[in-house]
C-alpha atoms as a PDB file:
ATOM      1  CA  UNK A   1     -20.772   3.019  10.549  1.00  0.00           C
ATOM      2  CA  UNK A   2     -17.490   3.375   9.284  1.00  0.00           C
ATOM      3  CA  UNK A   3     -16.562   3.463   6.122  1.00  0.00           C
ATOM      4  CA  UNK A   4     -13.733   0.812   6.225  1.00  0.00           C
ATOM      5  CA  UNK A   5     -14.490  -0.916   9.113  1.00  0.00           C
ATOM      6  CA  UNK A   6     -11.100  -0.609  11.062  1.00  0.00           C
ATOM      7  CA  UNK A   7     -10.662   2.725  13.436  1.00  0.00           C
ATOM      8  CA  UNK A   8      -6.831   3.189  12.602  1.00  0.00           C
ATOM      9  CA  UNK A   9      -7.942   3.327   8.601  1.00  0.00           C
ATOM     10  CA  UNK A  10     -10.933   5.826   9.408  1.00  0.00           C
ATOM     11  CA  UNK A  11      -9.050   8.195  11.448  1.00  0.00           C
ATOM     12  CA  UNK A  12      -6.094   8.269   8.781  1.00  0.00           C
ATOM     13  CA  UNK A  13      -8.372   8.982   6.125  1.00  0.00           C
ATOM     14  CA  UNK A  14     -10.250  12.070   7.979  1.00  0.00           C
ATOM     15  CA  UNK A  15      -7.165  13.410   8.660  1.00  0.00           C
ATOM     16  CA  UNK A  16      -5.424  12.820   5.125  1.00  0.00           C
ATOM     17  CA  UNK A  17      -8.717  14.326   3.736  1.00  0.00           C
ATOM     18  CA  UNK A  18      -8.554  17.462   5.949  1.00  0.00           C
ATOM     19  CA  UNK A  19      -5.143  18.334   5.061  1.00  0.00           C
ATOM     20  CA  UNK A  20      -6.075  17.890   1.432  1.00  0.00           C
ATOM     21  CA  UNK A  21      -8.878  20.283   1.857  1.00  0.00           C
ATOM     22  CA  UNK A  22      -6.845  22.902   3.408  1.00  0.00           C
ATOM     23  CA  UNK A  23      -4.354  22.675   0.457  1.00  0.00           C
ATOM     24  CA  UNK A  24      -7.074  22.927  -1.915  1.00  0.00           C
ATOM     25  CA  UNK A  25      -8.597  25.773  -0.185  1.00  0.00           C
ATOM     26  CA  UNK A  26      -5.367  27.606  -1.234  1.00  0.00           C
ATOM     27  CA  UNK A  27      -4.280  25.802  -4.580  1.00  0.00           C
ATOM     28  CA  UNK A  28      -7.869  24.994  -6.157  1.00  0.00           C
ATOM     29  CA  UNK A  29      -9.930  21.857  -6.162  1.00  0.00           C
ATOM     30  CA  UNK A  30      -7.983  19.141  -7.805  1.00  0.00           C
ATOM     31  CA  UNK A  31      -7.357  16.742  -5.144  1.00  0.00           C
ATOM     32  CA  UNK A  32      -4.792  14.788  -7.326  1.00  0.00           C
ATOM     33  CA  UNK A  33      -2.596  17.760  -7.387  1.00  0.00           C
ATOM     34  CA  UNK A  34      -2.898  18.468  -3.630  1.00  0.00           C
ATOM     35  CA  UNK A  35      -1.754  14.888  -2.904  1.00  0.00           C
ATOM     36  CA  UNK A  36       1.214  15.423  -4.964  1.00  0.00           C
ATOM     37  CA  UNK A  37       1.818  18.966  -3.332  1.00  0.00           C
ATOM     38  CA  UNK A  38       1.643  17.465   0.008  1.00  0.00           C
ATOM     39  CA  UNK A  39       3.830  14.669  -0.598  1.00  0.00           C
ATOM     40  CA  UNK A  40       6.485  16.666  -2.552  1.00  0.00           C
ATOM     41  CA  UNK A  41       6.735  19.158   0.329  1.00  0.00           C
ATOM     42  CA  UNK A  42       7.198  16.294   2.950  1.00  0.00           C
ATOM     43  CA  UNK A  43       9.566  14.297   0.978  1.00  0.00           C
ATOM     44  CA  UNK A  44      11.857  17.806   0.486  1.00  0.00           C
ATOM     45  CA  UNK A  45      11.613  18.187   4.030  1.00  0.00           C
ATOM     46  CA  UNK A  46      12.190  14.705   5.139  1.00  0.00           C
ATOM     47  CA  UNK A  47      15.589  15.128   2.729  1.00  0.00           C
ATOM     48  CA  UNK A  48      16.737  18.185   4.648  1.00  0.00           C
ATOM     49  CA  UNK A  49      16.112  17.037   8.081  1.00  0.00           C
ATOM     50  CA  UNK A  50      18.811  15.037   9.881  1.00  0.00           C
ATOM     51  CA  UNK A  51      17.465  11.473   9.948  1.00  0.00           C
ATOM     52  CA  UNK A  52      16.950  11.689  13.568  1.00  0.00           C
ATOM     53  CA  UNK A  53      14.478  14.621  13.318  1.00  0.00           C
ATOM     54  CA  UNK A  54      12.947  13.201   9.762  1.00  0.00           C
ATOM     55  CA  UNK A  55      11.759   9.722  11.718  1.00  0.00           C
ATOM     56  CA  UNK A  56      10.541  11.765  14.470  1.00  0.00           C
ATOM     57  CA  UNK A  57       8.178  13.621  11.800  1.00  0.00           C
ATOM     58  CA  UNK A  58       7.411  10.643  10.163  1.00  0.00           C
ATOM     59  CA  UNK A  59       6.361   9.246  13.595  1.00  0.00           C
ATOM     60  CA  UNK A  60       3.963  11.753  13.911  1.00  0.00           C
ATOM     61  CA  UNK A  61       2.379  11.840  10.241  1.00  0.00           C
ATOM     62  CA  UNK A  62      -0.989   9.971  10.065  1.00  0.00           C
ATOM     63  CA  UNK A  63      -0.587   6.550   8.267  1.00  0.00           C
ATOM     64  CA  UNK A  64      -1.345   7.188   5.043  1.00  0.00           C
ATOM     65  CA  UNK A  65       0.697  10.312   4.839  1.00  0.00           C
ATOM     66  CA  UNK A  66       3.457   8.364   6.376  1.00  0.00           C
ATOM     67  CA  UNK A  67       3.445   5.897   3.599  1.00  0.00           C
ATOM     68  CA  UNK A  68       3.904   8.616   1.110  1.00  0.00           C
ATOM     69  CA  UNK A  69       6.558  10.579   3.459  1.00  0.00           C
ATOM     70  CA  UNK A  70       8.718   7.329   3.284  1.00  0.00           C
ATOM     71  CA  UNK A  71       8.121   6.197  -0.266  1.00  0.00           C
ATOM     72  CA  UNK A  72      11.431   5.413  -1.641  1.00  0.00           C
ATOM     73  CA  UNK A  73      13.559   7.128   1.237  1.00  0.00           C
ATOM     74  CA  UNK A  74      16.943   5.511   1.640  1.00  0.00           C
ATOM     75  CA  UNK A  75      18.646   7.511   4.065  1.00  0.00           C
ATOM     76  CA  UNK A  76      22.345   5.552   3.706  1.00  0.00           C
ATOM     77  CA  UNK A  77      22.280   7.448   0.182  1.00  0.00           C
ATOM     78  CA  UNK A  78      21.581  10.805   1.692  1.00  0.00           C
ATOM     79  CA  UNK A  79      24.799  13.259   1.688  1.00  0.00           C
ATOM     80  CA  UNK A  80      26.727  13.070   5.028  1.00  0.00           C
ATOM     81  CA  UNK A  81      27.595  16.851   5.566  1.00  0.00           C
ATOM     82  CA  UNK A  82      24.980  18.491   8.196  1.00  0.00           C
ATOM     83  CA  UNK A  83      23.051  21.548   7.044  1.00  0.00           C
ATOM     84  CA  UNK A  84      22.492  24.429   9.173  1.00  0.00           C
END
């Protein structure tokens, strides 16, 4: 039986837990810290990428992680200069 009753939520929870377990294997057993680390890295990457590339990356993320990725994202407030 599924944990939530909806396959899409079960899948995103499973994938997110796998990612968090991998972070915890390298950085210690604190799950909350692993979640914050994942979010910080993804948001930093998102802000450095061009808007189109950031959207493409976001589309590939699990649903739960995608929410953290887009949290407080304001593409119109990003610098307009391109990075190389």
